[in-house]
Protein backbone atom coordinates (compact mmCIF):
# COMPACT_ATOMS: atom_id res chain seq x y z
CA UNK A 1 83.65 165.99 190.45
CA UNK A 2 86.79 168.10 190.42
CA UNK A 3 86.90 171.70 189.34
CA UNK A 4 89.63 173.43 187.37
CA UNK A 5 91.08 174.98 190.51
CA UNK A 6 91.19 171.54 192.19
CA UNK A 7 93.15 170.10 189.27
CA UNK A 8 95.74 172.85 189.23
CA UNK A 9 96.44 172.64 192.96
CA UNK A 10 96.82 168.85 193.11
CA UNK A 11 99.95 167.10 191.86
CA UNK A 12 99.72 165.24 188.56
CA UNK A 13 99.08 161.52 189.08
CA UNK A 14 101.45 158.92 187.62
CA UNK A 15 98.64 156.49 186.76
CA UNK A 16 94.88 156.43 186.17
CA UNK A 17 92.55 153.62 187.17
CA UNK A 18 90.02 152.23 184.71
CA UNK A 19 87.19 153.94 186.63
CA UNK A 20 88.99 157.30 186.53
CA UNK A 21 89.42 156.97 182.77
CA UNK A 22 85.73 156.11 182.35
CA UNK A 23 84.87 159.32 184.23
CA UNK A 24 87.47 161.35 182.33
CA UNK A 25 86.28 160.10 178.91
CA UNK A 26 82.56 159.99 179.86
CA UNK A 27 82.13 156.38 178.83
CA UNK A 28 81.72 152.93 180.38
CA UNK A 29 84.57 150.88 181.83
CA UNK A 30 84.03 148.37 179.03
CA UNK A 31 84.65 151.09 176.45
CA UNK A 32 87.86 152.07 178.28
CA UNK A 33 89.08 148.47 178.01
CA UNK A 34 88.18 148.43 174.29
CA UNK A 35 90.08 151.68 173.64
CA UNK A 36 93.13 150.43 175.55
CA UNK A 37 93.04 147.11 173.67
CA UNK A 38 92.59 148.74 170.25
CA UNK A 39 95.50 151.14 170.81
CA UNK A 40 97.79 148.44 172.20
CA UNK A 41 98.31 150.34 175.46
CA UNK A 42 100.15 148.47 178.19
CA UNK A 43 98.29 148.31 181.52
CA UNK A 44 99.90 147.70 184.91
CA UNK A 45 98.09 144.76 186.51
CA UNK A 46 98.77 143.64 190.08
CA UNK A 47 96.95 140.31 189.83
CA UNK A 48 97.57 136.90 188.34
CA UNK A 49 96.57 136.49 184.69
CA UNK A 50 92.83 136.09 184.25
CA UNK A 51 91.94 137.29 187.75
CA UNK A 52 90.09 140.46 188.72
CA UNK A 53 92.21 143.15 190.26
CA UNK A 54 93.53 146.67 190.30
CA UNK A 55 94.69 147.87 186.88
CA UNK A 56 96.55 151.13 186.27
CA UNK A 57 97.27 153.02 183.05
CA UNK A 58 100.32 155.36 182.85
CA UNK A 59 99.46 159.05 182.33
CA UNK A 60 101.73 159.45 179.25
CA UNK A 61 99.85 156.59 177.56
CA UNK A 62 96.50 158.27 178.33
CA UNK A 63 97.74 161.59 176.98
CA UNK A 64 98.93 159.88 173.78
CA UNK A 65 95.54 158.21 173.28
CA UNK A 66 93.77 161.53 173.83
CA UNK A 67 96.14 163.32 171.43
CA UNK A 68 95.49 160.71 168.71
CA UNK A 69 91.71 160.76 169.21
CA UNK A 70 91.46 164.57 169.31
CA UNK A 71 89.33 165.96 166.50
CA UNK A 72 89.92 169.36 165.06
CA UNK A 73 86.92 171.62 164.58
CA UNK A 74 86.96 173.36 161.20
């Protein structure tokens, strides 16, 4: 687990993996896929269609999803 000081000292990544998003959002990988599918987010996939492989999600897309899903406390 990273701490706040670790995050500020490391450079910002360009992409997140599905596992990193599951950790970041505290949910399962399946839920991450469902969120990405429901929001129409494009995922970078390095494998042939239908095969298992390494998938990456651009940071701006993740930030947009988080901004849209943010709930305001009243």
